C-alpha atoms as a PDB file:
ATOM      1  CA  UNK A   1      11.101  18.639 -19.485  1.00  0.00           C
ATOM      2  CA  UNK A   2      14.257  19.183 -17.763  1.00  0.00           C
ATOM      3  CA  UNK A   3      11.494  20.668 -14.623  1.00  0.00           C
ATOM      4  CA  UNK A   4       9.363  18.117 -14.968  1.00  0.00           C
ATOM      5  CA  UNK A   5      11.420  15.222 -15.297  1.00  0.00           C
ATOM      6  CA  UNK A   6      14.132  16.579 -12.152  1.00  0.00           C
ATOM      7  CA  UNK A   7      11.026  17.346  -9.707  1.00  0.00           C
ATOM      8  CA  UNK A   8       9.700  14.324 -11.083  1.00  0.00           C
ATOM      9  CA  UNK A   9      12.924  12.173  -9.560  1.00  0.00           C
ATOM     10  CA  UNK A  10      12.045  14.500  -6.122  1.00  0.00           C
ATOM     11  CA  UNK A  11       9.421  13.509  -5.656  1.00  0.00           C
ATOM     12  CA  UNK A  12      10.128   9.948  -5.965  1.00  0.00           C
ATOM     13  CA  UNK A  13      13.214   9.964  -3.464  1.00  0.00           C
ATOM     14  CA  UNK A  14      10.992  11.660  -1.130  1.00  0.00           C
ATOM     15  CA  UNK A  15       7.599   8.789  -1.023  1.00  0.00           C
ATOM     16  CA  UNK A  16      10.944   6.194  -0.902  1.00  0.00           C
ATOM     17  CA  UNK A  17      11.504   7.536   2.361  1.00  0.00           C
ATOM     18  CA  UNK A  18       8.287   8.821   3.653  1.00  0.00           C
ATOM     19  CA  UNK A  19       7.358   5.601   2.966  1.00  0.00           C
ATOM     20  CA  UNK A  20       9.770   2.833   2.994  1.00  0.00           C
ATOM     21  CA  UNK A  21      11.104   3.937   6.580  1.00  0.00           C
ATOM     22  CA  UNK A  22       7.602   3.524   7.670  1.00  0.00           C
ATOM     23  CA  UNK A  23       7.291   1.270  10.349  1.00  0.00           C
ATOM     24  CA  UNK A  24       4.769   2.373  13.143  1.00  0.00           C
ATOM     25  CA  UNK A  25       4.256   6.115  10.913  1.00  0.00           C
ATOM     26  CA  UNK A  26       7.808   7.011   9.941  1.00  0.00           C
ATOM     27  CA  UNK A  27       6.682  10.095   8.057  1.00  0.00           C
ATOM     28  CA  UNK A  28      10.682  11.061   6.596  1.00  0.00           C
ATOM     29  CA  UNK A  29      11.930  12.831   4.241  1.00  0.00           C
ATOM     30  CA  UNK A  30      15.665  11.930   3.190  1.00  0.00           C
ATOM     31  CA  UNK A  31      17.263  14.707   4.610  1.00  0.00           C
ATOM     32  CA  UNK A  32      17.550  13.832   8.969  1.00  0.00           C
ATOM     33  CA  UNK A  33      19.070  16.287  11.504  1.00  0.00           C
ATOM     34  CA  UNK A  34      22.088  17.278  10.580  1.00  0.00           C
ATOM     35  CA  UNK A  35      23.285  17.631  14.296  1.00  0.00           C
ATOM     36  CA  UNK A  36      24.278  16.225  17.299  1.00  0.00           C
ATOM     37  CA  UNK A  37      21.538  15.903  20.270  1.00  0.00           C
ATOM     38  CA  UNK A  38      18.702  17.388  17.990  1.00  0.00           C
ATOM     39  CA  UNK A  39      16.057  19.131  19.149  1.00  0.00           C
ATOM     40  CA  UNK A  40      13.771  20.260  15.959  1.00  0.00           C
ATOM     41  CA  UNK A  41      13.698  22.835  13.740  1.00  0.00           C
ATOM     42  CA  UNK A  42      11.686  26.429  13.414  1.00  0.00           C
ATOM     43  CA  UNK A  43       9.743  26.702  10.215  1.00  0.00           C
ATOM     44  CA  UNK A  44       9.164  30.741   9.063  1.00  0.00           C
ATOM     45  CA  UNK A  45       7.949  31.955   6.313  1.00  0.00           C
ATOM     46  CA  UNK A  46       9.798  29.571   3.428  1.00  0.00           C
ATOM     47  CA  UNK A  47      12.688  29.791   6.378  1.00  0.00           C
ATOM     48  CA  UNK A  48      14.809  27.244   8.637  1.00  0.00           C
ATOM     49  CA  UNK A  49      16.382  26.208  11.827  1.00  0.00           C
ATOM     50  CA  UNK A  50      17.312  23.205  12.490  1.00  0.00           C
ATOM     51  CA  UNK A  51      18.024  23.574  16.488  1.00  0.00           C
ATOM     52  CA  UNK A  52      20.144  22.292  18.839  1.00  0.00           C
ATOM     53  CA  UNK A  53      18.705  20.990  22.507  1.00  0.00           C
ATOM     54  CA  UNK A  54      21.731  23.578  24.078  1.00  0.00           C
ATOM     55  CA  UNK A  55      20.252  26.282  22.641  1.00  0.00           C
ATOM     56  CA  UNK A  56      17.133  26.200  22.333  1.00  0.00           C
ATOM     57  CA  UNK A  57      16.054  29.218  24.360  1.00  0.00           C
ATOM     58  CA  UNK A  58      18.648  31.102  22.045  1.00  0.00           C
ATOM     59  CA  UNK A  59      16.342  30.348  18.858  1.00  0.00           C
ATOM     60  CA  UNK A  60      13.934  30.332  20.992  1.00  0.00           C
ATOM     61  CA  UNK A  61      14.200  34.495  21.152  1.00  0.00           C
ATOM     62  CA  UNK A  62      15.711  34.359  17.288  1.00  0.00           C
ATOM     63  CA  UNK A  63      12.993  33.210  15.835  1.00  0.00           C
ATOM     64  CA  UNK A  64      10.122  34.396  17.363  1.00  0.00           C
ATOM     65  CA  UNK A  65      10.819  37.903  18.323  1.00  0.00           C
ATOM     66  CA  UNK A  66       7.503  39.150  18.422  1.00  0.00           C
ATOM     67  CA  UNK A  67       5.117  36.639  21.196  1.00  0.00           C
ATOM     68  CA  UNK A  68       2.558  37.934  21.746  1.00  0.00           C
ATOM     69  CA  UNK A  69       1.129  38.808  18.147  1.00  0.00           C
ATOM     70  CA  UNK A  70       2.494  35.139  17.409  1.00  0.00           C
ATOM     71  CA  UNK A  71       0.579  31.849  15.965  1.00  0.00           C
ATOM     72  CA  UNK A  72       2.563  28.944  17.197  1.00  0.00           C
ATOM     73  CA  UNK A  73       2.068  24.997  16.073  1.00  0.00           C
ATOM     74  CA  UNK A  74       3.284  22.701  17.017  1.00  0.00           C
ATOM     75  CA  UNK A  75       3.898  19.868  14.739  1.00  0.00           C
ATOM     76  CA  UNK A  76       4.719  15.742  16.303  1.00  0.00           C
ATOM     77  CA  UNK A  77       5.889  13.627  13.462  1.00  0.00           C
ATOM     78  CA  UNK A  78       5.740   9.999  12.755  1.00  0.00           C
ATOM     79  CA  UNK A  79       8.129   7.699  14.460  1.00  0.00           C
ATOM     80  CA  UNK A  80       9.565   4.617  13.331  1.00  0.00           C
ATOM     81  CA  UNK A  81       9.649   1.993  16.103  1.00  0.00           C
ATOM     82  CA  UNK A  82      12.245   2.183  17.477  1.00  0.00           C
ATOM     83  CA  UNK A  83      12.857   4.255  20.006  1.00  0.00           C
ATOM     84  CA  UNK A  84      15.922   7.044  21.056  1.00  0.00           C
ATOM     85  CA  UNK A  85      18.082   8.183  18.297  1.00  0.00           C
ATOM     86  CA  UNK A  86      16.035   8.322  15.597  1.00  0.00           C
ATOM     87  CA  UNK A  87      16.572  10.560  12.854  1.00  0.00           C
ATOM     88  CA  UNK A  88      14.431  13.602  12.350  1.00  0.00           C
ATOM     89  CA  UNK A  89      13.356  14.814   9.187  1.00  0.00           C
ATOM     90  CA  UNK A  90      12.143  18.650  10.007  1.00  0.00           C
ATOM     91  CA  UNK A  91      11.490  18.623   6.202  1.00  0.00           C
ATOM     92  CA  UNK A  92       8.675  16.587   6.361  1.00  0.00           C
ATOM     93  CA  UNK A  93       6.041  18.979   7.296  1.00  0.00           C
ATOM     94  CA  UNK A  94       3.359  17.816   5.280  1.00  0.00           C
ATOM     95  CA  UNK A  95       2.682  20.851   2.936  1.00  0.00           C
ATOM     96  CA  UNK A  96      -0.682  22.383   4.391  1.00  0.00           C
ATOM     97  CA  UNK A  97       1.627  23.324   6.943  1.00  0.00           C
ATOM     98  CA  UNK A  98       4.038  25.270   5.911  1.00  0.00           C
ATOM     99  CA  UNK A  99       1.239  26.536   3.344  1.00  0.00           C
ATOM    100  CA  UNK A 100      -0.379  28.206   6.229  1.00  0.00           C
ATOM    101  CA  UNK A 101       3.281  29.571   7.975  1.00  0.00           C
ATOM    102  CA  UNK A 102       4.408  30.936   3.579  1.00  0.00           C
ATOM    103  CA  UNK A 103       0.699  32.769   3.896  1.00  0.00           C
ATOM    104  CA  UNK A 104       0.447  34.262   6.981  1.00  0.00           C
ATOM    105  CA  UNK A 105       3.513  35.504   8.589  1.00  0.00           C
ATOM    106  CA  UNK A 106       2.213  35.596  12.219  1.00  0.00           C
ATOM    107  CA  UNK A 107       2.770  31.695  12.321  1.00  0.00           C
ATOM    108  CA  UNK A 108       5.716  29.708  12.880  1.00  0.00           C
ATOM    109  CA  UNK A 109       5.987  26.214  13.379  1.00  0.00           C
ATOM    110  CA  UNK A 110       8.135  24.273  15.508  1.00  0.00           C
ATOM    111  CA  UNK A 111       9.307  21.100  14.619  1.00  0.00           C
ATOM    112  CA  UNK A 112       9.162  18.268  17.497  1.00  0.00           C
ATOM    113  CA  UNK A 113      12.263  16.256  17.700  1.00  0.00           C
ATOM    114  CA  UNK A 114      10.660  14.082  19.714  1.00  0.00           C
ATOM    115  CA  UNK A 115      13.370  11.062  21.494  1.00  0.00           C
ATOM    116  CA  UNK A 116      11.171   9.459  23.232  1.00  0.00           C
ATOM    117  CA  UNK A 117      11.128   5.407  23.769  1.00  0.00           C
ATOM    118  CA  UNK A 118       8.316   3.298  22.661  1.00  0.00           C
ATOM    119  CA  UNK A 119       7.798  -0.432  23.780  1.00  0.00           C
ATOM    120  CA  UNK A 120       7.230  -3.542  21.440  1.00  0.00           C
ATOM    121  CA  UNK A 121       4.693  -5.530  20.545  1.00  0.00           C
ATOM    122  CA  UNK A 122       5.184  -8.299  23.731  1.00  0.00           C
ATOM    123  CA  UNK A 123       5.050  -4.229  25.516  1.00  0.00           C
ATOM    124  CA  UNK A 124       3.616  -3.349  28.361  1.00  0.00           C
ATOM    125  CA  UNK A 125       0.358  -0.851  26.420  1.00  0.00           C
ATOM    126  CA  UNK A 126      -0.023   1.448  28.868  1.00  0.00           C
ATOM    127  CA  UNK A 127       3.990   2.684  28.331  1.00  0.00           C
ATOM    128  CA  UNK A 128       3.145   3.543  24.679  1.00  0.00           C
ATOM    129  CA  UNK A 129       5.245   6.520  22.989  1.00  0.00           C
ATOM    130  CA  UNK A 130       2.468   8.323  22.565  1.00  0.00           C
ATOM    131  CA  UNK A 131       1.516   9.096  26.437  1.00  0.00           C
ATOM    132  CA  UNK A 132       5.600   9.454  27.084  1.00  0.00           C
ATOM    133  CA  UNK A 133       5.447  12.263  24.298  1.00  0.00           C
ATOM    134  CA  UNK A 134       2.133  13.922  25.687  1.00  0.00           C
ATOM    135  CA  UNK A 135       4.006  15.104  28.767  1.00  0.00           C
ATOM    136  CA  UNK A 136       6.947  15.885  26.378  1.00  0.00           C
ATOM    137  CA  UNK A 137       4.878  18.346  24.980  1.00  0.00           C
ATOM    138  CA  UNK A 138       3.601  19.593  28.212  1.00  0.00           C
ATOM    139  CA  UNK A 139       7.750  20.206  28.444  1.00  0.00           C
ATOM    140  CA  UNK A 140       8.374  21.963  25.626  1.00  0.00           C
ATOM    141  CA  UNK A 141       4.723  24.242  25.917  1.00  0.00           C
ATOM    142  CA  UNK A 142       6.388  25.617  29.155  1.00  0.00           C
ATOM    143  CA  UNK A 143       9.148  27.029  27.164  1.00  0.00           C
ATOM    144  CA  UNK A 144       7.022  28.085  24.901  1.00  0.00           C
ATOM    145  CA  UNK A 145       5.317  29.813  27.627  1.00  0.00           C
ATOM    146  CA  UNK A 146       7.847  31.140  29.360  1.00  0.00           C
ATOM    147  CA  UNK A 147       8.708  33.416  26.434  1.00  0.00           C
ATOM    148  CA  UNK A 148       5.572  34.989  25.596  1.00  0.00           C
ATOM    149  CA  UNK A 149       3.145  32.576  23.998  1.00  0.00           C
ATOM    150  CA  UNK A 150      -0.147  32.148  25.552  1.00  0.00           C
ATOM    151  CA  UNK A 151      -2.029  28.769  25.550  1.00  0.00           C
ATOM    152  CA  UNK A 152      -4.879  29.759  23.298  1.00  0.00           C
ATOM    153  CA  UNK A 153      -2.291  30.759  20.443  1.00  0.00           C
ATOM    154  CA  UNK A 154      -0.944  27.512  19.912  1.00  0.00           C
ATOM    155  CA  UNK A 155      -1.878  25.049  18.318  1.00  0.00           C
ATOM    156  CA  UNK A 156      -0.758  20.917  18.121  1.00  0.00           C
ATOM    157  CA  UNK A 157      -0.479  19.456  14.564  1.00  0.00           C
ATOM    158  CA  UNK A 158       0.075  15.951  13.954  1.00  0.00           C
ATOM    159  CA  UNK A 159       0.274  13.129  11.791  1.00  0.00           C
ATOM    160  CA  UNK A 160       0.358   9.180  12.205  1.00  0.00           C
ATOM    161  CA  UNK A 161       2.091   8.104  15.606  1.00  0.00           C
ATOM    162  CA  UNK A 162       2.328  12.326  16.053  1.00  0.00           C
ATOM    163  CA  UNK A 163      -1.729  12.211  15.056  1.00  0.00           C
ATOM    164  CA  UNK A 164      -2.262   9.506  17.965  1.00  0.00           C
ATOM    165  CA  UNK A 165       0.739  11.822  20.533  1.00  0.00           C
ATOM    166  CA  UNK A 166      -1.357  15.222  19.866  1.00  0.00           C
ATOM    167  CA  UNK A 167      -4.777  13.663  20.906  1.00  0.00           C
ATOM    168  CA  UNK A 168      -3.450  12.757  23.518  1.00  0.00           C
ATOM    169  CA  UNK A 169      -1.420  15.116  24.936  1.00  0.00           C
ATOM    170  CA  UNK A 170      -5.558  16.610  23.868  1.00  0.00           C
ATOM    171  CA  UNK A 171      -6.265  14.561  26.838  1.00  0.00           C
ATOM    172  CA  UNK A 172      -3.121  14.986  29.338  1.00  0.00           C
ATOM    173  CA  UNK A 173      -2.923  18.915  28.885  1.00  0.00           C
ATOM    174  CA  UNK A 174      -5.420  20.613  27.304  1.00  0.00           C
ATOM    175  CA  UNK A 175      -5.177  23.862  29.213  1.00  0.00           C
ATOM    176  CA  UNK A 176      -1.568  24.741  27.664  1.00  0.00           C
ATOM    177  CA  UNK A 177      -3.353  25.067  23.735  1.00  0.00           C
ATOM    178  CA  UNK A 178      -6.173  25.591  21.569  1.00  0.00           C
ATOM    179  CA  UNK A 179      -6.335  22.848  18.921  1.00  0.00           C
ATOM    180  CA  UNK A 180      -4.751  20.439  17.370  1.00  0.00           C
ATOM    181  CA  UNK A 181      -5.727  18.702  13.383  1.00  0.00           C
ATOM    182  CA  UNK A 182      -4.726  15.818  12.990  1.00  0.00           C
ATOM    183  CA  UNK A 183      -4.411  13.572  10.151  1.00  0.00           C
ATOM    184  CA  UNK A 184      -3.905   9.546  10.249  1.00  0.00           C
ATOM    185  CA  UNK A 185      -3.555   8.207  13.146  1.00  0.00           C
ATOM    186  CA  UNK A 186      -2.729   5.054  14.384  1.00  0.00           C
ATOM    187  CA  UNK A 187      -3.167   2.838  16.928  1.00  0.00           C
ATOM    188  CA  UNK A 188       0.662   1.519  17.076  1.00  0.00           C
ATOM    189  CA  UNK A 189       1.220  -1.805  15.495  1.00  0.00           C
ATOM    190  CA  UNK A 190      -0.837  -1.332  12.368  1.00  0.00           C
ATOM    191  CA  UNK A 191       2.620  -1.694  10.193  1.00  0.00           C
ATOM    192  CA  UNK A 192       2.635  -5.122  10.535  1.00  0.00           C
ATOM    193  CA  UNK A 193      -0.163  -6.638   9.622  1.00  0.00           C
ATOM    194  CA  UNK A 194      -2.588  -7.753  11.875  1.00  0.00           C
ATOM    195  CA  UNK A 195      -5.642  -7.275  13.074  1.00  0.00           C
ATOM    196  CA  UNK A 196      -6.544  -5.036  15.828  1.00  0.00           C
ATOM    197  CA  UNK A 197      -8.162  -7.301  17.294  1.00  0.00           C
ATOM    198  CA  UNK A 198      -4.923 -10.415  17.558  1.00  0.00           C
ATOM    199  CA  UNK A 199      -4.175 -11.399  20.713  1.00  0.00           C
ATOM    200  CA  UNK A 200      -0.760  -9.286  20.854  1.00  0.00           C
ATOM    201  CA  UNK A 201      -2.579  -6.159  19.492  1.00  0.00           C
ATOM    202  CA  UNK A 202      -6.117  -5.400  21.445  1.00  0.00           C
ATOM    203  CA  UNK A 203      -4.608  -4.470  24.699  1.00  0.00           C
ATOM    204  CA  UNK A 204      -2.885  -2.214  22.419  1.00  0.00           C
ATOM    205  CA  UNK A 205      -5.714  -1.129  21.307  1.00  0.00           C
ATOM    206  CA  UNK A 206      -7.912  -0.510  23.689  1.00  0.00           C
ATOM    207  CA  UNK A 207      -5.548   1.352  25.503  1.00  0.00           C
ATOM    208  CA  UNK A 208      -4.972   3.760  23.276  1.00  0.00           C
ATOM    209  CA  UNK A 209      -8.957   3.781  22.454  1.00  0.00           C
ATOM    210  CA  UNK A 210      -9.790   4.560  25.969  1.00  0.00           C
ATOM    211  CA  UNK A 211      -6.890   7.773  25.813  1.00  0.00           C
ATOM    212  CA  UNK A 212      -8.213   9.276  23.249  1.00  0.00           C
ATOM    213  CA  UNK A 213     -11.836   9.048  24.272  1.00  0.00           C
ATOM    214  CA  UNK A 214     -10.000  11.286  27.355  1.00  0.00           C
ATOM    215  CA  UNK A 215     -10.666  14.078  24.752  1.00  0.00           C
ATOM    216  CA  UNK A 216     -13.065  15.748  25.948  1.00  0.00           C
ATOM    217  CA  UNK A 217     -12.114  19.231  26.806  1.00  0.00           C
ATOM    218  CA  UNK A 218     -10.420  20.317  23.049  1.00  0.00           C
ATOM    219  CA  UNK A 219     -11.760  19.694  20.192  1.00  0.00           C
ATOM    220  CA  UNK A 220     -10.259  19.567  16.249  1.00  0.00           C
ATOM    221  CA  UNK A 221      -9.904  18.133  12.667  1.00  0.00           C
ATOM    222  CA  UNK A 222      -9.012  14.795  12.744  1.00  0.00           C
ATOM    223  CA  UNK A 223      -8.143  13.055   8.696  1.00  0.00           C
ATOM    224  CA  UNK A 224      -8.076   9.598   8.309  1.00  0.00           C
ATOM    225  CA  UNK A 225      -8.136   8.652   4.585  1.00  0.00           C
ATOM    226  CA  UNK A 226      -9.859   5.503   2.991  1.00  0.00           C
ATOM    227  CA  UNK A 227      -6.933   2.763   1.927  1.00  0.00           C
ATOM    228  CA  UNK A 228      -4.676   3.943   4.673  1.00  0.00           C
ATOM    229  CA  UNK A 229      -3.878   0.624   5.590  1.00  0.00           C
ATOM    230  CA  UNK A 230      -1.316   1.610   8.938  1.00  0.00           C
ATOM    231  CA  UNK A 231      -4.162   3.795  10.170  1.00  0.00           C
ATOM    232  CA  UNK A 232      -7.280   2.270   8.651  1.00  0.00           C
ATOM    233  CA  UNK A 233     -10.732   4.470   9.306  1.00  0.00           C
ATOM    234  CA  UNK A 234     -11.792   2.012  11.132  1.00  0.00           C
ATOM    235  CA  UNK A 235      -9.723   1.776  14.748  1.00  0.00           C
ATOM    236  CA  UNK A 236     -11.348   5.481  14.262  1.00  0.00           C
ATOM    237  CA  UNK A 237     -14.853   4.338  13.964  1.00  0.00           C
ATOM    238  CA  UNK A 238     -15.392   5.591  18.199  1.00  0.00           C
ATOM    239  CA  UNK A 239     -14.420   8.368  17.423  1.00  0.00           C
ATOM    240  CA  UNK A 240     -17.699   9.579  15.721  1.00  0.00           C
ATOM    241  CA  UNK A 241     -19.431   8.834  19.367  1.00  0.00           C
ATOM    242  CA  UNK A 242     -16.805  12.043  20.478  1.00  0.00           C
ATOM    243  CA  UNK A 243     -18.498  15.445  20.212  1.00  0.00           C
ATOM    244  CA  UNK A 244     -15.571  17.808  19.948  1.00  0.00           C
ATOM    245  CA  UNK A 245     -13.651  15.209  17.264  1.00  0.00           C
ATOM    246  CA  UNK A 246     -14.875  16.581  12.929  1.00  0.00           C
ATOM    247  CA  UNK A 247     -13.756  13.786  12.392  1.00  0.00           C
ATOM    248  CA  UNK A 248     -12.776  13.935   7.720  1.00  0.00           C
ATOM    249  CA  UNK A 249     -12.941  10.029   6.450  1.00  0.00           C
ATOM    250  CA  UNK A 250     -11.249  10.634   2.873  1.00  0.00           C
ATOM    251  CA  UNK A 251     -11.112   9.368  -0.101  1.00  0.00           C
ATOM    252  CA  UNK A 252      -7.417  10.140  -1.326  1.00  0.00           C
ATOM    253  CA  UNK A 253      -7.317  11.557  -5.533  1.00  0.00           C
ATOM    254  CA  UNK A 254      -4.937  10.924  -7.177  1.00  0.00           C
ATOM    255  CA  UNK A 255      -2.565  13.368  -6.694  1.00  0.00           C
ATOM    256  CA  UNK A 256       0.613  12.148  -7.006  1.00  0.00           C
ATOM    257  CA  UNK A 257       1.203  10.596  -3.505  1.00  0.00           C
ATOM    258  CA  UNK A 258       0.534   6.830  -4.022  1.00  0.00           C
ATOM    259  CA  UNK A 259       0.593   5.425  -1.186  1.00  0.00           C
ATOM    260  CA  UNK A 260      -3.390   6.869   0.825  1.00  0.00           C
ATOM    261  CA  UNK A 261      -1.149   7.157   4.173  1.00  0.00           C
ATOM    262  CA  UNK A 262       1.307   9.888   2.841  1.00  0.00           C
ATOM    263  CA  UNK A 263      -2.305  12.561   1.263  1.00  0.00           C
ATOM    264  CA  UNK A 264      -1.328  15.285   3.594  1.00  0.00           C
ATOM    265  CA  UNK A 265       1.535  15.460   1.524  1.00  0.00           C
ATOM    266  CA  UNK A 266       0.231  15.699  -1.725  1.00  0.00           C
ATOM    267  CA  UNK A 267      -0.643  19.449  -3.029  1.00  0.00           C
ATOM    268  CA  UNK A 268      -4.389  18.367  -3.459  1.00  0.00           C
ATOM    269  CA  UNK A 269      -4.864  18.044   0.219  1.00  0.00           C
ATOM    270  CA  UNK A 270      -3.242  20.970   0.478  1.00  0.00           C
ATOM    271  CA  UNK A 271      -4.932  22.941  -1.832  1.00  0.00           C
ATOM    272  CA  UNK A 272      -8.533  21.686  -0.448  1.00  0.00           C
ATOM    273  CA  UNK A 273      -8.674  21.969   3.404  1.00  0.00           C
ATOM    274  CA  UNK A 274      -5.496  24.486   4.120  1.00  0.00           C
ATOM    275  CA  UNK A 275      -8.163  27.129   3.638  1.00  0.00           C
ATOM    276  CA  UNK A 276     -10.914  24.971   5.905  1.00  0.00           C
ATOM    277  CA  UNK A 277      -7.892  24.353   8.521  1.00  0.00           C
ATOM    278  CA  UNK A 278      -6.719  28.500   8.812  1.00  0.00           C
ATOM    279  CA  UNK A 279     -10.372  28.773   9.122  1.00  0.00           C
ATOM    280  CA  UNK A 280     -11.018  26.520  12.292  1.00  0.00           C
ATOM    281  CA  UNK A 281      -7.826  28.355  13.456  1.00  0.00           C
ATOM    282  CA  UNK A 282      -9.380  31.483  12.891  1.00  0.00           C
ATOM    283  CA  UNK A 283     -12.315  30.716  14.411  1.00  0.00           C
ATOM    284  CA  UNK A 284     -10.649  28.976  17.508  1.00  0.00           C
ATOM    285  CA  UNK A 285      -8.486  32.187  18.196  1.00  0.00           C
ATOM    286  CA  UNK A 286     -11.569  34.407  18.529  1.00  0.00           C
ATOM    287  CA  UNK A 287     -13.565  32.213  20.262  1.00  0.00           C
ATOM    288  CA  UNK A 288     -10.394  33.515  23.147  1.00  0.00           C
ATOM    289  CA  UNK A 289     -10.928  37.302  22.243  1.00  0.00           C
END
């Protein structure tokens, strides 16, 4: 009983932070990286190592000693609509992704602590943060390739704003990774509760949509959830005409996560989707051998 109550308390705190901090897509936990100038964190098995910007290369060597046999996942987090200075929350990696690195010793996740600045609602749609974060991913992947991890053993993950970031990267730099798995991609300003067709938001939505429609060289899995007010499935209807995207719209089960936007953190999603996602990874690895 005590353990059940403790687990319940931890979950409530997680969810309060997870959704209370959400503006654009701030799927964050209560524990930020407690260091100045954070760069990100390595997740391997049950372990975690946070990394400062000036320590990344040495941390790369410490955490990946066998790069030629390593499968790399870059996780792109959701973000507040504030830009530089936002806190990073590496423990917010979805449970399905953590399950993969726990189950497969050859895998590693790098949580990229993005600090790219985006525009406000009134700003230029072409300067939305996910376009800038795509460039950031390209710079990071270059460092991993220099360490010996090839593009065919690299996959991108992302949620909400981080999912949009991943999709834009799939359009911009498809040659730098093998595939992608994303959940609840949103175009940036749904949190204010306005329609995508409103006068302020329509340009942002069309810019976001046209960017994603350029994803033609890389295929991936896109999860969306009924009832998600931050990233409604209706905004993704154009993806049904994209043969390289497998759009999976799910009705979330009652599984400890009250908001559909956070469903990838649920036990139900982890149990049902992790084997499917791992099969997707294995299929793509096999296709490059």
